Amino acid sequence: MKDLRNYEVDLKNNLQTKAEIVLKQTHNHSIVRAEVLKHRISSEEVKSKILKLFEKGKTPSKALFTFKSQLRVES
């Protein structure tokens, strides 16, 4: 192994260093459970309704409450 001084000289002379990065995607929770389904990505229709509520000045919690209330009325 090179001593530290030689390594520093190499870095100064050759500013490009080589590295290998390995990324692994792991979850720290189960992803095959029923409770995961509540975190699904919403449809474009739902997104647009929520954004309209935000534009009307609703907070996230009030927008969600209003959206759920509208769903109950529609069904």
C-alpha atoms as a PDB file:
ATOM      1  CA  MET A   1       0.000   0.000   0.000  1.00  0.00           C
ATOM      2  CA  LYS A   2       1.301   3.462  -0.879  1.00  0.00           C
ATOM      3  CA  ASP A   3       2.164   5.758   1.919  1.00  0.00           C
ATOM      4  CA  LEU A   4      -0.096   8.757   2.480  1.00  0.00           C
ATOM      5  CA  ARG A   5       2.294  11.340   0.987  1.00  0.00           C
ATOM      6  CA  ASN A   6       2.477   9.528  -2.345  1.00  0.00           C
ATOM      7  CA  TYR A   7      -1.313   9.189  -2.363  1.00  0.00           C
ATOM      8  CA  GLU A   8      -1.747  12.948  -1.827  1.00  0.00           C
ATOM      9  CA  VAL A   9       0.692  13.701  -4.667  1.00  0.00           C
ATOM     10  CA  ASP A  10      -1.225  11.327  -6.957  1.00  0.00           C
ATOM     11  CA  LEU A  11      -4.473  13.121  -6.114  1.00  0.00           C
ATOM     12  CA  LYS A  12      -2.981  16.530  -6.868  1.00  0.00           C
ATOM     13  CA  ASN A  13      -1.518  15.371 -10.189  1.00  0.00           C
ATOM     14  CA  ASN A  14      -4.547  13.365 -11.283  1.00  0.00           C
ATOM     15  CA  LEU A  15      -7.710  15.068 -10.039  1.00  0.00           C
ATOM     16  CA  GLN A  16      -9.884  12.274 -11.381  1.00  0.00           C
ATOM     17  CA  THR A  17     -10.288   9.396  -9.000  1.00  0.00           C
ATOM     18  CA  LYS A  18     -12.057   6.173  -9.730  1.00  0.00           C
ATOM     19  CA  ALA A  19     -14.704   4.734  -7.459  1.00  0.00           C
ATOM     20  CA  GLU A  20     -17.327   2.057  -7.626  1.00  0.00           C
ATOM     21  CA  ILE A  21     -20.684   2.809  -6.068  1.00  0.00           C
ATOM     22  CA  VAL A  22     -23.147   0.014  -5.476  1.00  0.00           C
ATOM     23  CA  LEU A  23     -26.699   1.002  -4.551  1.00  0.00           C
ATOM     24  CA  LYS A  24     -29.096  -1.469  -3.016  1.00  0.00           C
ATOM     25  CA  GLN A  25     -32.706  -0.606  -2.414  1.00  0.00           C
ATOM     26  CA  THR A  26     -33.997  -2.203   0.731  1.00  0.00           C
ATOM     27  CA  HIS A  27     -37.026  -1.437   2.846  1.00  0.00           C
ATOM     28  CA  ASN A  28     -37.002  -1.345   6.619  1.00  0.00           C
ATOM     29  CA  HIS A  29     -40.660  -2.381   6.611  1.00  0.00           C
ATOM     30  CA  SER A  30     -42.909  -4.903   4.924  1.00  0.00           C
ATOM     31  CA  ILE A  31     -44.071  -3.940   1.435  1.00  0.00           C
ATOM     32  CA  VAL A  32     -46.538  -6.800   0.964  1.00  0.00           C
ATOM     33  CA  ARG A  33     -49.116  -5.958   3.613  1.00  0.00           C
ATOM     34  CA  ALA A  34     -52.599  -4.519   3.355  1.00  0.00           C
ATOM     35  CA  GLU A  35     -51.643  -1.366   5.256  1.00  0.00           C
ATOM     36  CA  VAL A  36     -49.169  -0.464   2.503  1.00  0.00           C
ATOM     37  CA  LEU A  37     -52.056   0.029   0.090  1.00  0.00           C
ATOM     38  CA  LYS A  38     -53.104   3.248   1.825  1.00  0.00           C
ATOM     39  CA  HIS A  39     -49.851   4.830   0.580  1.00  0.00           C
ATOM     40  CA  ARG A  40     -50.482   4.171  -3.111  1.00  0.00           C
ATOM     41  CA  ILE A  41     -49.874   6.872  -5.692  1.00  0.00           C
ATOM     42  CA  SER A  42     -53.117   8.734  -6.382  1.00  0.00           C
ATOM     43  CA  SER A  43     -54.716   9.061  -9.796  1.00  0.00           C
ATOM     44  CA  GLU A  44     -54.458  12.292 -11.771  1.00  0.00           C
ATOM     45  CA  GLU A  45     -58.123  13.007 -10.989  1.00  0.00           C
ATOM     46  CA  VAL A  46     -57.472  12.852  -7.238  1.00  0.00           C
ATOM     47  CA  LYS A  47     -54.337  14.978  -7.558  1.00  0.00           C
ATOM     48  CA  SER A  48     -56.204  17.686  -9.477  1.00  0.00           C
ATOM     49  CA  LYS A  49     -59.063  17.757  -6.923  1.00  0.00           C
ATOM     50  CA  ILE A  50     -56.608  18.088  -4.034  1.00  0.00           C
ATOM     51  CA  LEU A  51     -54.632  20.810  -5.850  1.00  0.00           C
ATOM     52  CA  LYS A  52     -57.863  22.764  -6.434  1.00  0.00           C
ATOM     53  CA  LEU A  53     -58.567  22.599  -2.717  1.00  0.00           C
ATOM     54  CA  PHE A  54     -55.056  23.916  -2.019  1.00  0.00           C
ATOM     55  CA  GLU A  55     -55.638  26.757  -4.470  1.00  0.00           C
ATOM     56  CA  LYS A  56     -58.762  27.650  -2.481  1.00  0.00           C
ATOM     57  CA  GLY A  57     -56.535  28.083   0.571  1.00  0.00           C
ATOM     58  CA  LYS A  58     -57.174  24.770   2.334  1.00  0.00           C
ATOM     59  CA  THR A  59     -54.445  23.313   4.517  1.00  0.00           C
ATOM     60  CA  PRO A  60     -53.384  19.719   3.762  1.00  0.00           C
ATOM     61  CA  SER A  61     -55.469  18.333   6.636  1.00  0.00           C
ATOM     62  CA  LYS A  62     -58.559  20.388   5.699  1.00  0.00           C
ATOM     63  CA  ALA A  63     -58.130  19.481   2.014  1.00  0.00           C
ATOM     64  CA  LEU A  64     -58.051  15.797   2.915  1.00  0.00           C
ATOM     65  CA  PHE A  65     -61.107  16.168   5.172  1.00  0.00           C
ATOM     66  CA  THR A  66     -63.006  18.011   2.420  1.00  0.00           C
ATOM     67  CA  PHE A  67     -61.993  15.446  -0.186  1.00  0.00           C
ATOM     68  CA  LYS A  68     -63.139  12.550   2.016  1.00  0.00           C
ATOM     69  CA  SER A  69     -66.402  14.363   2.746  1.00  0.00           C
ATOM     70  CA  GLN A  70     -67.014  14.836  -0.987  1.00  0.00           C
ATOM     71  CA  LEU A  71     -66.361  11.118  -1.545  1.00  0.00           C
ATOM     72  CA  ARG A  72     -69.000  10.224   1.061  1.00  0.00           C
ATOM     73  CA  VAL A  73     -71.539  12.517  -0.614  1.00  0.00           C
ATOM     74  CA  GLU A  74     -70.807  11.059  -4.064  1.00  0.00           C
ATOM     75  CA  SER A  75     -71.243   7.446  -2.939  1.00  0.00           C
END
